[in-house]
PDB file of N, CA and C in Angstrom:
ATOM      1  N   MET A   1      -3.050  10.320  13.085  1.00  0.00           N
ATOM      2  CA  MET A   1      -2.356   9.570  12.061  1.00  0.00           C
ATOM      3  C   MET A   1      -2.842   8.134  12.145  1.00  0.00           C
ATOM      4  N   GLY A   2      -3.257   7.580  11.011  1.00  0.00           N
ATOM      5  CA  GLY A   2      -3.750   6.216  10.974  1.00  0.00           C
ATOM      6  C   GLY A   2      -2.623   5.205  10.992  1.00  0.00           C
ATOM      7  N   ILE A   3      -2.969   3.967  11.245  1.00  0.00           N
ATOM      8  CA  ILE A   3      -1.978   2.893  11.322  1.00  0.00           C
ATOM      9  C   ILE A   3      -1.280   2.688   9.979  1.00  0.00           C
ATOM     10  N   LEU A   4      -2.026   2.823   8.883  1.00  0.00           N
ATOM     11  CA  LEU A   4      -1.418   2.665   7.563  1.00  0.00           C
ATOM     12  C   LEU A   4      -0.387   3.761   7.297  1.00  0.00           C
ATOM     13  N   ASP A   5      -0.706   5.010   7.668  1.00  0.00           N
ATOM     14  CA  ASP A   5       0.252   6.106   7.512  1.00  0.00           C
ATOM     15  C   ASP A   5       1.491   5.874   8.364  1.00  0.00           C
ATOM     16  N   THR A   6       1.293   5.378   9.575  1.00  0.00           N
ATOM     17  CA  THR A   6       2.416   5.102  10.475  1.00  0.00           C
ATOM     18  C   THR A   6       3.331   4.039   9.866  1.00  0.00           C
ATOM     19  N   ILE A   7       2.741   2.983   9.341  1.00  0.00           N
ATOM     20  CA  ILE A   7       3.528   1.911   8.729  1.00  0.00           C
ATOM     21  C   ILE A   7       4.265   2.426   7.496  1.00  0.00           C
ATOM     22  N   LYS A   8       3.562   3.202   6.661  1.00  0.00           N
ATOM     23  CA  LYS A   8       4.172   3.765   5.451  1.00  0.00           C
ATOM     24  C   LYS A   8       5.356   4.668   5.811  1.00  0.00           C
ATOM     25  N   ASN A   9       5.178   5.502   6.814  1.00  0.00           N
ATOM     26  CA  ASN A   9       6.244   6.398   7.245  1.00  0.00           C
ATOM     27  C   ASN A   9       7.420   5.607   7.820  1.00  0.00           C
ATOM     28  N   PHE A  10       7.137   4.566   8.588  1.00  0.00           N
ATOM     29  CA  PHE A  10       8.181   3.731   9.178  1.00  0.00           C
ATOM     30  C   PHE A  10       8.999   3.055   8.081  1.00  0.00           C
ATOM     31  N   ILE A  11       8.335   2.526   7.069  1.00  0.00           N
ATOM     32  CA  ILE A  11       9.031   1.870   5.954  1.00  0.00           C
ATOM     33  C   ILE A  11       9.917   2.881   5.221  1.00  0.00           C
ATOM     34  N   TYR A  12       9.379   4.097   5.011  1.00  0.00           N
ATOM     35  CA  TYR A  12      10.170   5.140   4.343  1.00  0.00           C
ATOM     36  C   TYR A  12      11.431   5.459   5.157  1.00  0.00           C
ATOM     37  N   GLN A  13      11.293   5.553   6.477  1.00  0.00           N
ATOM     38  CA  GLN A  13      12.440   5.850   7.346  1.00  0.00           C
ATOM     39  C   GLN A  13      13.484   4.742   7.264  1.00  0.00           C
ATOM     40  N   ILE A  14      13.038   3.480   7.215  1.00  0.00           N
ATOM     41  CA  ILE A  14      13.974   2.358   7.099  1.00  0.00           C
ATOM     42  C   ILE A  14      14.708   2.419   5.766  1.00  0.00           C
ATOM     43  N   ILE A  15      13.970   2.696   4.706  1.00  0.00           N
ATOM     44  CA  ILE A  15      14.591   2.815   3.385  1.00  0.00           C
ATOM     45  C   ILE A  15      15.648   3.919   3.404  1.00  0.00           C
ATOM     46  N   CYS A  16      15.328   5.026   4.055  1.00  0.00           N
ATOM     47  CA  CYS A  16      16.271   6.147   4.112  1.00  0.00           C
ATOM     48  C   CYS A  16      17.524   5.791   4.910  1.00  0.00           C
ATOM     49  N   LEU A  17      17.410   4.901   5.873  1.00  0.00           N
ATOM     50  CA  LEU A  17      18.586   4.487   6.637  1.00  0.00           C
ATOM     51  C   LEU A  17      19.573   3.731   5.756  1.00  0.00           C
ATOM     52  N   PHE A  18      19.061   2.890   4.880  1.00  0.00           N
ATOM     53  CA  PHE A  18      19.918   2.054   4.053  1.00  0.00           C
ATOM     54  C   PHE A  18      20.313   2.708   2.741  1.00  0.00           C
ATOM     55  N   TYR A  19      19.430   3.483   2.184  1.00  0.00           N
ATOM     56  CA  TYR A  19      19.676   4.171   0.920  1.00  0.00           C
ATOM     57  C   TYR A  19      19.508   5.652   1.179  1.00  0.00           C
ATOM     58  N   LYS A  20      20.575   6.379   1.259  1.00  0.00           N
ATOM     59  CA  LYS A  20      20.535   7.813   1.559  1.00  0.00           C
ATOM     60  C   LYS A  20      19.427   8.483   0.762  1.00  0.00           C
ATOM     61  N   CYS A  21      18.424   9.022   1.440  1.00  0.00           N
ATOM     62  CA  CYS A  21      17.320   9.680   0.745  1.00  0.00           C
ATOM     63  C   CYS A  21      17.864  10.895   0.011  1.00  0.00           C
ATOM     64  N   ALA A  22      17.564  10.974  -1.247  1.00  0.00           N
ATOM     65  CA  ALA A  22      18.220  11.920  -2.139  1.00  0.00           C
ATOM     66  C   ALA A  22      17.890  13.381  -1.862  1.00  0.00           C
ATOM     67  N   ILE A  23      16.672  13.699  -1.476  1.00  0.00           N
ATOM     68  CA  ILE A  23      16.282  15.102  -1.433  1.00  0.00           C
ATOM     69  C   ILE A  23      16.716  15.769  -0.132  1.00  0.00           C
ATOM     70  N   CYS A  24      16.262  15.273   0.992  1.00  0.00           N
ATOM     71  CA  CYS A  24      16.590  15.855   2.298  1.00  0.00           C
ATOM     72  C   CYS A  24      16.976  14.732   3.257  1.00  0.00           C
ATOM     73  N   PRO A  25      18.186  14.215   3.134  1.00  0.00           N
ATOM     74  CA  PRO A  25      18.568  13.019   3.881  1.00  0.00           C
ATOM     75  C   PRO A  25      18.577  13.180   5.398  1.00  0.00           C
ATOM     76  N   GLU A  26      18.680  14.390   5.901  1.00  0.00           N
ATOM     77  CA  GLU A  26      18.736  14.599   7.347  1.00  0.00           C
ATOM     78  C   GLU A  26      17.352  14.745   7.981  1.00  0.00           C
ATOM     79  N   ASP A  27      16.322  14.914   7.176  1.00  0.00           N
ATOM     80  CA  ASP A  27      14.975  15.122   7.709  1.00  0.00           C
ATOM     81  C   ASP A  27      14.369  13.830   8.238  1.00  0.00           C
ATOM     82  N   THR A  28      13.572  13.971   9.283  1.00  0.00           N
ATOM     83  CA  THR A  28      12.783  12.846   9.784  1.00  0.00           C
ATOM     84  C   THR A  28      11.348  13.303   9.937  1.00  0.00           C
ATOM     85  N   CYS A  29      10.463  12.354   9.909  1.00  0.00           N
ATOM     86  CA  CYS A  29       9.045  12.661  10.062  1.00  0.00           C
ATOM     87  C   CYS A  29       8.431  11.565  10.924  1.00  0.00           C
ATOM     88  N   ILE A  30       8.944  11.410  12.115  1.00  0.00           N
ATOM     89  CA  ILE A  30       8.542  10.303  12.967  1.00  0.00           C
ATOM     90  C   ILE A  30       7.415  10.693  13.916  1.00  0.00           C
ATOM     91  N   HIS A  31       7.388  11.925  14.397  1.00  0.00           N
ATOM     92  CA  HIS A  31       6.436  12.296  15.439  1.00  0.00           C
ATOM     93  C   HIS A  31       5.014  12.453  14.925  1.00  0.00           C
ATOM     94  N   GLN A  32       4.713  13.525  14.277  1.00  0.00           N
ATOM     95  CA  GLN A  32       3.357  13.822  13.829  1.00  0.00           C
ATOM     96  C   GLN A  32       3.442  14.460  12.454  1.00  0.00           C
ATOM     97  N   HIS A  33       2.517  14.107  11.559  1.00  0.00           N
ATOM     98  CA  HIS A  33       2.541  14.719  10.233  1.00  0.00           C
ATOM     99  C   HIS A  33       1.129  14.869   9.696  1.00  0.00           C
ATOM    100  N   SER A  34       1.017  15.708   8.676  1.00  0.00           N
ATOM    101  CA  SER A  34      -0.287  15.933   8.046  1.00  0.00           C
ATOM    102  C   SER A  34      -0.755  14.636   7.404  1.00  0.00           C
ATOM    103  N   SER A  35      -2.043  14.430   7.406  1.00  0.00           N
ATOM    104  CA  SER A  35      -2.586  13.206   6.822  1.00  0.00           C
ATOM    105  C   SER A  35      -2.611  13.292   5.298  1.00  0.00           C
ATOM    106  N   ARG A  36      -2.450  14.460   4.778  1.00  0.00           N
ATOM    107  CA  ARG A  36      -2.526  14.686   3.328  1.00  0.00           C
ATOM    108  C   ARG A  36      -1.161  15.067   2.771  1.00  0.00           C
ATOM    109  N   ASP A  37      -0.847  14.575   1.579  1.00  0.00           N
ATOM    110  CA  ASP A  37       0.340  15.012   0.860  1.00  0.00           C
ATOM    111  C   ASP A  37      -0.060  16.199  -0.008  1.00  0.00           C
ATOM    112  N   PHE A  38       0.852  17.141  -0.172  1.00  0.00           N
ATOM    113  CA  PHE A  38       0.593  18.334  -0.972  1.00  0.00           C
ATOM    114  C   PHE A  38       1.548  18.341  -2.158  1.00  0.00           C
ATOM    115  N   THR A  39       1.094  18.912  -3.257  1.00  0.00           N
ATOM    116  CA  THR A  39       1.968  19.077  -4.420  1.00  0.00           C
ATOM    117  C   THR A  39       2.018  20.543  -4.800  1.00  0.00           C
ATOM    118  N   MET A  40       3.158  20.935  -5.348  1.00  0.00           N
ATOM    119  CA  MET A  40       3.346  22.315  -5.786  1.00  0.00           C
ATOM    120  C   MET A  40       4.152  22.288  -7.080  1.00  0.00           C
ATOM    121  N   PRO A  41       3.596  22.815  -8.153  1.00  0.00           N
ATOM    122  CA  PRO A  41       4.330  22.836  -9.420  1.00  0.00           C
ATOM    123  C   PRO A  41       5.413  23.922  -9.421  1.00  0.00           C
ATOM    124  N   TYR A  42       6.368  23.754 -10.295  1.00  0.00           N
ATOM    125  CA  TYR A  42       7.376  24.796 -10.530  1.00  0.00           C
ATOM    126  C   TYR A  42       7.745  24.790 -11.998  1.00  0.00           C
ATOM    127  N   SER A  43       8.356  25.877 -12.460  1.00  0.00           N
ATOM    128  CA  SER A  43       8.825  25.899 -13.844  1.00  0.00           C
ATOM    129  C   SER A  43      10.337  26.054 -13.833  1.00  0.00           C
ATOM    130  N   SER A  44      10.848  27.246 -13.966  1.00  0.00           N
ATOM    131  CA  SER A  44      12.304  27.409 -14.050  1.00  0.00           C
ATOM    132  C   SER A  44      12.952  27.679 -12.687  1.00  0.00           C
ATOM    133  N   GLU A  45      12.161  27.834 -11.632  1.00  0.00           N
ATOM    134  CA  GLU A  45      12.709  28.183 -10.316  1.00  0.00           C
ATOM    135  C   GLU A  45      13.543  27.047  -9.715  1.00  0.00           C
ATOM    136  N   LEU A  46      13.149  25.808  -9.986  1.00  0.00           N
ATOM    137  CA  LEU A  46      13.831  24.636  -9.445  1.00  0.00           C
ATOM    138  C   LEU A  46      14.093  23.647 -10.561  1.00  0.00           C
ATOM    139  N   ASN A  47      14.827  22.602 -10.236  1.00  0.00           N
ATOM    140  CA  ASN A  47      15.016  21.482 -11.160  1.00  0.00           C
ATOM    141  C   ASN A  47      15.231  20.220 -10.339  1.00  0.00           C
ATOM    142  N   LEU A  48      15.472  19.111 -10.992  1.00  0.00           N
ATOM    143  CA  LEU A  48      15.614  17.838 -10.282  1.00  0.00           C
ATOM    144  C   LEU A  48      16.863  17.784  -9.409  1.00  0.00           C
ATOM    145  N   ASN A  49      17.820  18.672  -9.646  1.00  0.00           N
ATOM    146  CA  ASN A  49      19.048  18.704  -8.842  1.00  0.00           C
ATOM    147  C   ASN A  49      19.025  19.776  -7.757  1.00  0.00           C
ATOM    148  N   SER A  50      17.882  20.426  -7.550  1.00  0.00           N
ATOM    149  CA  SER A  50      17.789  21.469  -6.526  1.00  0.00           C
ATOM    150  C   SER A  50      18.029  20.878  -5.144  1.00  0.00           C
ATOM    151  N   SER A  51      18.662  21.667  -4.290  1.00  0.00           N
ATOM    152  CA  SER A  51      18.968  21.201  -2.936  1.00  0.00           C
ATOM    153  C   SER A  51      17.720  21.221  -2.059  1.00  0.00           C
ATOM    154  N   CYS A  52      17.820  20.575  -0.940  1.00  0.00           N
ATOM    155  CA  CYS A  52      16.732  20.541   0.039  1.00  0.00           C
ATOM    156  C   CYS A  52      16.352  21.963   0.450  1.00  0.00           C
ATOM    157  N   ASP A  53      17.327  22.786   0.770  1.00  0.00           N
ATOM    158  CA  ASP A  53      17.055  24.165   1.189  1.00  0.00           C
ATOM    159  C   ASP A  53      16.388  24.973   0.081  1.00  0.00           C
ATOM    160  N   GLU A  54      16.840  24.810  -1.158  1.00  0.00           N
ATOM    161  CA  GLU A  54      16.229  25.529  -2.270  1.00  0.00           C
ATOM    162  C   GLU A  54      14.756  25.146  -2.416  1.00  0.00           C
ATOM    163  N   ILE A  55      14.465  23.863  -2.296  1.00  0.00           N
ATOM    164  CA  ILE A  55      13.087  23.396  -2.428  1.00  0.00           C
ATOM    165  C   ILE A  55      12.224  23.931  -1.291  1.00  0.00           C
ATOM    166  N   LYS A  56      12.733  23.854  -0.070  1.00  0.00           N
ATOM    167  CA  LYS A  56      11.955  24.331   1.076  1.00  0.00           C
ATOM    168  C   LYS A  56      11.764  25.846   1.021  1.00  0.00           C
ATOM    169  N   ASP A  57      12.784  26.582   0.597  1.00  0.00           N
ATOM    170  CA  ASP A  57      12.639  28.039   0.433  1.00  0.00           C
ATOM    171  C   ASP A  57      11.550  28.353  -0.592  1.00  0.00           C
ATOM    172  N   TYR A  58      11.518  27.593  -1.672  1.00  0.00           N
ATOM    173  CA  TYR A  58      10.510  27.793  -2.715  1.00  0.00           C
ATOM    174  C   TYR A  58       9.108  27.527  -2.160  1.00  0.00           C
ATOM    175  N   ILE A  59       8.954  26.432  -1.431  1.00  0.00           N
ATOM    176  CA  ILE A  59       7.654  26.104  -0.838  1.00  0.00           C
ATOM    177  C   ILE A  59       7.222  27.197   0.125  1.00  0.00           C
ATOM    178  N   LEU A  60       8.114  27.610   1.016  1.00  0.00           N
ATOM    179  CA  LEU A  60       7.785  28.654   1.999  1.00  0.00           C
ATOM    180  C   LEU A  60       7.395  29.955   1.313  1.00  0.00           C
ATOM    181  N   ALA A  61       8.165  30.367   0.329  1.00  0.00           N
ATOM    182  CA  ALA A  61       7.877  31.624  -0.373  1.00  0.00           C
ATOM    183  C   ALA A  61       6.494  31.580  -1.021  1.00  0.00           C
ATOM    184  N   ASN A  62       6.161  30.455  -1.635  1.00  0.00           N
ATOM    185  CA  ASN A  62       4.860  30.342  -2.294  1.00  0.00           C
ATOM    186  C   ASN A  62       3.718  30.287  -1.289  1.00  0.00           C
ATOM    187  N   LEU A  63       3.874  29.545  -0.219  1.00  0.00           N
ATOM    188  CA  LEU A  63       2.819  29.472   0.788  1.00  0.00           C
ATOM    189  C   LEU A  63       2.593  30.831   1.446  1.00  0.00           C
ATOM    190  N   GLU A  64       3.674  31.542   1.743  1.00  0.00           N
ATOM    191  CA  GLU A  64       3.544  32.852   2.390  1.00  0.00           C
ATOM    192  C   GLU A  64       3.065  33.921   1.413  1.00  0.00           C
ATOM    193  N   ARG A  65       3.306  33.725   0.125  1.00  0.00           N
ATOM    194  CA  ARG A  65       2.765  34.643  -0.876  1.00  0.00           C
ATOM    195  C   ARG A  65       1.243  34.485  -0.963  1.00  0.00           C
ATOM    196  N   ILE A  66       0.782  33.248  -0.881  1.00  0.00           N
ATOM    197  CA  ILE A  66      -0.647  32.962  -0.930  1.00  0.00           C
ATOM    198  C   ILE A  66      -1.343  33.448   0.335  1.00  0.00           C
ATOM    199  N   ASN A  67      -0.703  33.207   1.488  1.00  0.00           N
ATOM    200  CA  ASN A  67      -1.282  33.587   2.780  1.00  0.00           C
ATOM    201  C   ASN A  67      -0.160  34.033   3.709  1.00  0.00           C
ATOM    202  N   THR A  68      -0.101  35.315   4.008  1.00  0.00           N
ATOM    203  CA  THR A  68       0.987  35.840   4.844  1.00  0.00           C
ATOM    204  C   THR A  68       0.989  35.250   6.251  1.00  0.00           C
ATOM    205  N   ASP A  69      -0.131  34.711   6.710  1.00  0.00           N
ATOM    206  CA  ASP A  69      -0.198  34.069   8.020  1.00  0.00           C
ATOM    207  C   ASP A  69      -0.142  32.546   7.920  1.00  0.00           C
ATOM    208  N   ALA A  70       0.424  32.032   6.853  1.00  0.00           N
ATOM    209  CA  ALA A  70       0.482  30.576   6.672  1.00  0.00           C
ATOM    210  C   ALA A  70       1.211  29.910   7.837  1.00  0.00           C
ATOM    211  N   PHE A  71       2.217  30.563   8.374  1.00  0.00           N
ATOM    212  CA  PHE A  71       2.950  30.049   9.524  1.00  0.00           C
ATOM    213  C   PHE A  71       2.801  31.056  10.654  1.00  0.00           C
ATOM    214  N   HIS A  72       1.801  30.831  11.458  1.00  0.00           N
ATOM    215  CA  HIS A  72       1.499  31.766  12.548  1.00  0.00           C
ATOM    216  C   HIS A  72       1.232  30.951  13.808  1.00  0.00           C
ATOM    217  N   SER A  73       1.965  31.236  14.870  1.00  0.00           N
ATOM    218  CA  SER A  73       1.757  30.490  16.112  1.00  0.00           C
ATOM    219  C   SER A  73       0.522  31.012  16.833  1.00  0.00           C
ATOM    220  N   SER A  74      -0.104  30.156  17.597  1.00  0.00           N
ATOM    221  CA  SER A  74      -1.332  30.540  18.302  1.00  0.00           C
ATOM    222  C   SER A  74      -1.069  31.550  19.421  1.00  0.00           C
ATOM    223  N   ASP A  75       0.171  31.596  19.920  1.00  0.00           N
ATOM    224  CA  ASP A  75       0.477  32.539  21.004  1.00  0.00           C
ATOM    225  C   ASP A  75       1.355  33.699  20.540  1.00  0.00           C
ATOM    226  N   ASP A  76       1.412  33.932  19.242  1.00  0.00           N
ATOM    227  CA  ASP A  76       2.192  35.022  18.632  1.00  0.00           C
ATOM    228  C   ASP A  76       3.697  34.917  18.856  1.00  0.00           C
ATOM    229  N   THR A  77       4.183  33.728  19.210  1.00  0.00           N
ATOM    230  CA  THR A  77       5.616  33.501  19.316  1.00  0.00           C
ATOM    231  C   THR A  77       6.195  33.533  17.908  1.00  0.00           C
ATOM    232  N   PRO A  78       7.288  34.258  17.690  1.00  0.00           N
ATOM    233  CA  PRO A  78       7.876  34.301  16.345  1.00  0.00           C
ATOM    234  C   PRO A  78       8.311  32.907  15.881  1.00  0.00           C
ATOM    235  N   ILE A  79       8.029  32.604  14.632  1.00  0.00           N
ATOM    236  CA  ILE A  79       8.453  31.341  14.038  1.00  0.00           C
ATOM    237  C   ILE A  79       9.587  31.652  13.074  1.00  0.00           C
ATOM    238  N   THR A  80      10.741  31.094  13.345  1.00  0.00           N
ATOM    239  CA  THR A  80      11.916  31.377  12.523  1.00  0.00           C
ATOM    240  C   THR A  80      11.859  30.602  11.215  1.00  0.00           C
ATOM    241  N   GLY A  81      12.682  31.024  10.273  1.00  0.00           N
ATOM    242  CA  GLY A  81      12.773  30.323   9.000  1.00  0.00           C
ATOM    243  C   GLY A  81      13.205  28.876   9.180  1.00  0.00           C
ATOM    244  N   THR A  82      14.109  28.639  10.109  1.00  0.00           N
ATOM    245  CA  THR A  82      14.564  27.279  10.393  1.00  0.00           C
ATOM    246  C   THR A  82      13.424  26.428  10.920  1.00  0.00           C
ATOM    247  N   MET A  83      12.618  26.989  11.824  1.00  0.00           N
ATOM    248  CA  MET A  83      11.470  26.247  12.362  1.00  0.00           C
ATOM    249  C   MET A  83      10.484  25.908  11.246  1.00  0.00           C
ATOM    250  N   LYS A  84      10.265  26.847  10.348  1.00  0.00           N
ATOM    251  CA  LYS A  84       9.341  26.613   9.234  1.00  0.00           C
ATOM    252  C   LYS A  84       9.854  25.477   8.345  1.00  0.00           C
ATOM    253  N   LYS A  85      11.149  25.508   8.050  1.00  0.00           N
ATOM    254  CA  LYS A  85      11.732  24.479   7.193  1.00  0.00           C
ATOM    255  C   LYS A  85      11.642  23.098   7.826  1.00  0.00           C
ATOM    256  N   GLU A  86      11.758  23.027   9.150  1.00  0.00           N
ATOM    257  CA  GLU A  86      11.667  21.741   9.840  1.00  0.00           C
ATOM    258  C   GLU A  86      10.277  21.126   9.722  1.00  0.00           C
ATOM    259  N   LEU A  87       9.275  21.957   9.445  1.00  0.00           N
ATOM    260  CA  LEU A  87       7.904  21.466   9.327  1.00  0.00           C
ATOM    261  C   LEU A  87       7.599  20.856   7.964  1.00  0.00           C
ATOM    262  N   ILE A  88       8.487  21.062   7.002  1.00  0.00           N
ATOM    263  CA  ILE A  88       8.252  20.578   5.637  1.00  0.00           C
ATOM    264  C   ILE A  88       9.074  19.316   5.404  1.00  0.00           C
ATOM    265  N   PHE A  89       8.391  18.258   5.018  1.00  0.00           N
ATOM    266  CA  PHE A  89       9.035  16.987   4.728  1.00  0.00           C
ATOM    267  C   PHE A  89       8.834  16.693   3.247  1.00  0.00           C
ATOM    268  N   ILE A  90       9.913  16.729   2.478  1.00  0.00           N
ATOM    269  CA  ILE A  90       9.855  16.549   1.030  1.00  0.00           C
ATOM    270  C   ILE A  90       9.741  15.062   0.709  1.00  0.00           C
ATOM    271  N   LEU A  91       8.731  14.715  -0.050  1.00  0.00           N
ATOM    272  CA  LEU A  91       8.524  13.324  -0.456  1.00  0.00           C
ATOM    273  C   LEU A  91       9.089  13.040  -1.844  1.00  0.00           C
ATOM    274  N   GLU A  92       8.875  13.976  -2.778  1.00  0.00           N
ATOM    275  CA  GLU A  92       9.334  13.764  -4.156  1.00  0.00           C
ATOM    276  C   GLU A  92       9.622  15.093  -4.836  1.00  0.00           C
ATOM    277  N   ASN A  93      10.521  15.046  -5.801  1.00  0.00           N
ATOM    278  CA  ASN A  93      10.769  16.146  -6.723  1.00  0.00           C
ATOM    279  C   ASN A  93      10.834  15.493  -8.096  1.00  0.00           C
ATOM    280  N   ARG A  94       9.820  15.715  -8.918  1.00  0.00           N
ATOM    281  CA  ARG A  94       9.704  15.000 -10.185  1.00  0.00           C
ATOM    282  C   ARG A  94       9.485  15.949 -11.350  1.00  0.00           C
ATOM    283  N   SER A  95       9.874  15.480 -12.512  1.00  0.00           N
ATOM    284  CA  SER A  95       9.647  16.267 -13.729  1.00  0.00           C
ATOM    285  C   SER A  95       8.237  16.058 -14.278  1.00  0.00           C
ATOM    286  N   ASP A  96       7.529  15.037 -13.777  1.00  0.00           N
ATOM    287  CA  ASP A  96       6.186  14.739 -14.286  1.00  0.00           C
ATOM    288  C   ASP A  96       5.179  14.553 -13.139  1.00  0.00           C
ATOM    289  N   MET A  97       5.221  15.452 -12.182  1.00  0.00           N
ATOM    290  CA  MET A  97       4.340  15.383 -11.018  1.00  0.00           C
ATOM    291  C   MET A  97       2.906  15.709 -11.423  1.00  0.00           C
ATOM    292  N   ILE A  98       1.967  14.918 -10.943  1.00  0.00           N
ATOM    293  CA  ILE A  98       0.550  15.239 -11.115  1.00  0.00           C
ATOM    294  C   ILE A  98       0.198  16.206  -9.994  1.00  0.00           C
ATOM    295  N   THR A  99      -0.141  17.425 -10.341  1.00  0.00           N
ATOM    296  CA  THR A  99      -0.396  18.462  -9.350  1.00  0.00           C
ATOM    297  C   THR A  99      -1.835  18.413  -8.854  1.00  0.00           C
ATOM    298  N   ASN A 100      -2.148  19.251  -7.860  1.00  0.00           N
ATOM    299  CA  ASN A 100      -3.479  19.263  -7.242  1.00  0.00           C
ATOM    300  C   ASN A 100      -4.598  19.511  -8.250  1.00  0.00           C
ATOM    301  N   ASN A 101      -4.309  20.230  -9.328  1.00  0.00           N
ATOM    302  CA  ASN A 101      -5.357  20.504 -10.323  1.00  0.00           C
ATOM    303  C   ASN A 101      -5.416  19.428 -11.417  1.00  0.00           C
ATOM    304  N   GLY A 102      -4.637  18.354 -11.280  1.00  0.00           N
ATOM    305  CA  GLY A 102      -4.696  17.243 -12.210  1.00  0.00           C
ATOM    306  C   GLY A 102      -3.748  17.323 -13.390  1.00  0.00           C
ATOM    307  N   ASN A 103      -3.046  18.426 -13.546  1.00  0.00           N
ATOM    308  CA  ASN A 103      -2.095  18.573 -14.648  1.00  0.00           C
ATOM    309  C   ASN A 103      -0.768  17.908 -14.302  1.00  0.00           C
ATOM    310  N   SER A 104       0.026  17.633 -15.308  1.00  0.00           N
ATOM    311  CA  SER A 104       1.352  17.068 -15.123  1.00  0.00           C
ATOM    312  C   SER A 104       2.387  18.140 -15.450  1.00  0.00           C
ATOM    313  N   SER A 105       3.292  18.377 -14.499  1.00  0.00           N
ATOM    314  CA  SER A 105       4.359  19.354 -14.704  1.00  0.00           C
ATOM    315  C   SER A 105       5.452  19.051 -13.687  1.00  0.00           C
ATOM    316  N   PRO A 106       6.612  19.691 -13.829  1.00  0.00           N
ATOM    317  CA  PRO A 106       7.605  19.518 -12.779  1.00  0.00           C
ATOM    318  C   PRO A 106       6.990  19.970 -11.453  1.00  0.00           C
ATOM    319  N   GLY A 107       7.251  19.223 -10.401  1.00  0.00           N
ATOM    320  CA  GLY A 107       6.652  19.591  -9.129  1.00  0.00           C
ATOM    321  C   GLY A 107       7.262  18.879  -7.942  1.00  0.00           C
ATOM    322  N   ILE A 108       6.810  19.296  -6.779  1.00  0.00           N
ATOM    323  CA  ILE A 108       7.286  18.782  -5.503  1.00  0.00           C
ATOM    324  C   ILE A 108       6.094  18.206  -4.757  1.00  0.00           C
ATOM    325  N   LYS A 109       6.288  17.055  -4.134  1.00  0.00           N
ATOM    326  CA  LYS A 109       5.278  16.499  -3.240  1.00  0.00           C
ATOM    327  C   LYS A 109       5.857  16.577  -1.829  1.00  0.00           C
ATOM    328  N   PHE A 110       5.065  17.086  -0.893  1.00  0.00           N
ATOM    329  CA  PHE A 110       5.548  17.244   0.474  1.00  0.00           C
ATOM    330  C   PHE A 110       4.401  17.091   1.457  1.00  0.00           C
ATOM    331  N   LYS A 111       4.759  17.003   2.732  1.00  0.00           N
ATOM    332  CA  LYS A 111       3.766  17.024   3.792  1.00  0.00           C
ATOM    333  C   LYS A 111       4.324  17.870   4.914  1.00  0.00           C
ATOM    334  N   PHE A 112       3.466  18.253   5.817  1.00  0.00           N
ATOM    335  CA  PHE A 112       3.909  18.991   6.993  1.00  0.00           C
ATOM    336  C   PHE A 112       4.158  17.988   8.099  1.00  0.00           C
ATOM    337  N   CYS A 113       5.210  18.218   8.862  1.00  0.00           N
ATOM    338  CA  CYS A 113       5.673  17.216   9.802  1.00  0.00           C
ATOM    339  C   CYS A 113       6.330  17.865  11.011  1.00  0.00           C
ATOM    340  N   CYS A 114       6.247  17.194  12.147  1.00  0.00           N
ATOM    341  CA  CYS A 114       7.023  17.591  13.325  1.00  0.00           C
ATOM    342  C   CYS A 114       8.109  16.540  13.522  1.00  0.00           C
ATOM    343  N   PRO A 115       9.377  16.928  13.418  1.00  0.00           N
ATOM    344  CA  PRO A 115      10.452  15.953  13.567  1.00  0.00           C
ATOM    345  C   PRO A 115      10.526  15.372  14.983  1.00  0.00           C
ATOM    346  N   THR A 116      10.081  16.135  15.978  1.00  0.00           N
ATOM    347  CA  THR A 116      10.042  15.647  17.370  1.00  0.00           C
ATOM    348  C   THR A 116       8.744  16.152  18.003  1.00  0.00           C
ATOM    349  N   GLY A 117       8.488  15.710  19.204  1.00  0.00           N
ATOM    350  CA  GLY A 117       7.291  16.166  19.923  1.00  0.00           C
ATOM    351  C   GLY A 117       7.453  17.549  20.520  1.00  0.00           C
ATOM    352  N   GLU A 118       8.668  18.063  20.549  1.00  0.00           N
ATOM    353  CA  GLU A 118       8.932  19.385  21.116  1.00  0.00           C
ATOM    354  C   GLU A 118       8.536  20.487  20.152  1.00  0.00           C
ATOM    355  N   ASN A 119       7.835  21.480  20.642  1.00  0.00           N
ATOM    356  CA  ASN A 119       7.463  22.661  19.858  1.00  0.00           C
ATOM    357  C   ASN A 119       6.790  22.307  18.533  1.00  0.00           C
ATOM    358  N   CYS A 120       5.931  21.318  18.550  1.00  0.00           N
ATOM    359  CA  CYS A 120       5.232  20.937  17.328  1.00  0.00           C
ATOM    360  C   CYS A 120       4.184  21.996  16.997  1.00  0.00           C
ATOM    361  N   LEU A 121       4.257  22.548  15.803  1.00  0.00           N
ATOM    362  CA  LEU A 121       3.366  23.629  15.403  1.00  0.00           C
ATOM    363  C   LEU A 121       2.158  23.134  14.637  1.00  0.00           C
ATOM    364  N   LEU A 122       2.027  21.832  14.438  1.00  0.00           N
ATOM    365  CA  LEU A 122       0.878  21.313  13.685  1.00  0.00           C
ATOM    366  C   LEU A 122      -0.364  21.333  14.527  1.00  0.00           C
TER     367      LEU A 122
END
C-alpha cells in the first residue's frame, strides 16, 4: 500500500468517525487493502437504500458465480460467509457509477480489505 493510499484511507476513517458512514458504518479498512478499487453494476437487485449486508451478499454472489474459487484459502481452511463479508469494504453505492467497461449505470464501488492483521486472506 502506497503512502497516498494510506493517507486517503486515514482521511476516510476520520470522516467516518465524525459523520456516520452511510453504507457500512461498522467496517474498517485500516490494516491491508487492495490497491485497486472495483466496480460492479446492478439493475433491480439493489438500490441506493440497500443495506450493507444486501450489498455484500450481492457482490459475493456475483464473484462466486464468475469464479467458484474466488474465495479460496491457500491451506483449504473453510472460509465462512462472515469472513468473506469482512474482506469487502464498500466505498460507494451510486445511481450513476462509471463501471469497469466505461458505461454509467447504478453500481457499487468497493475494495478488498483486512480489518485487522489477524487471519488476513489477501
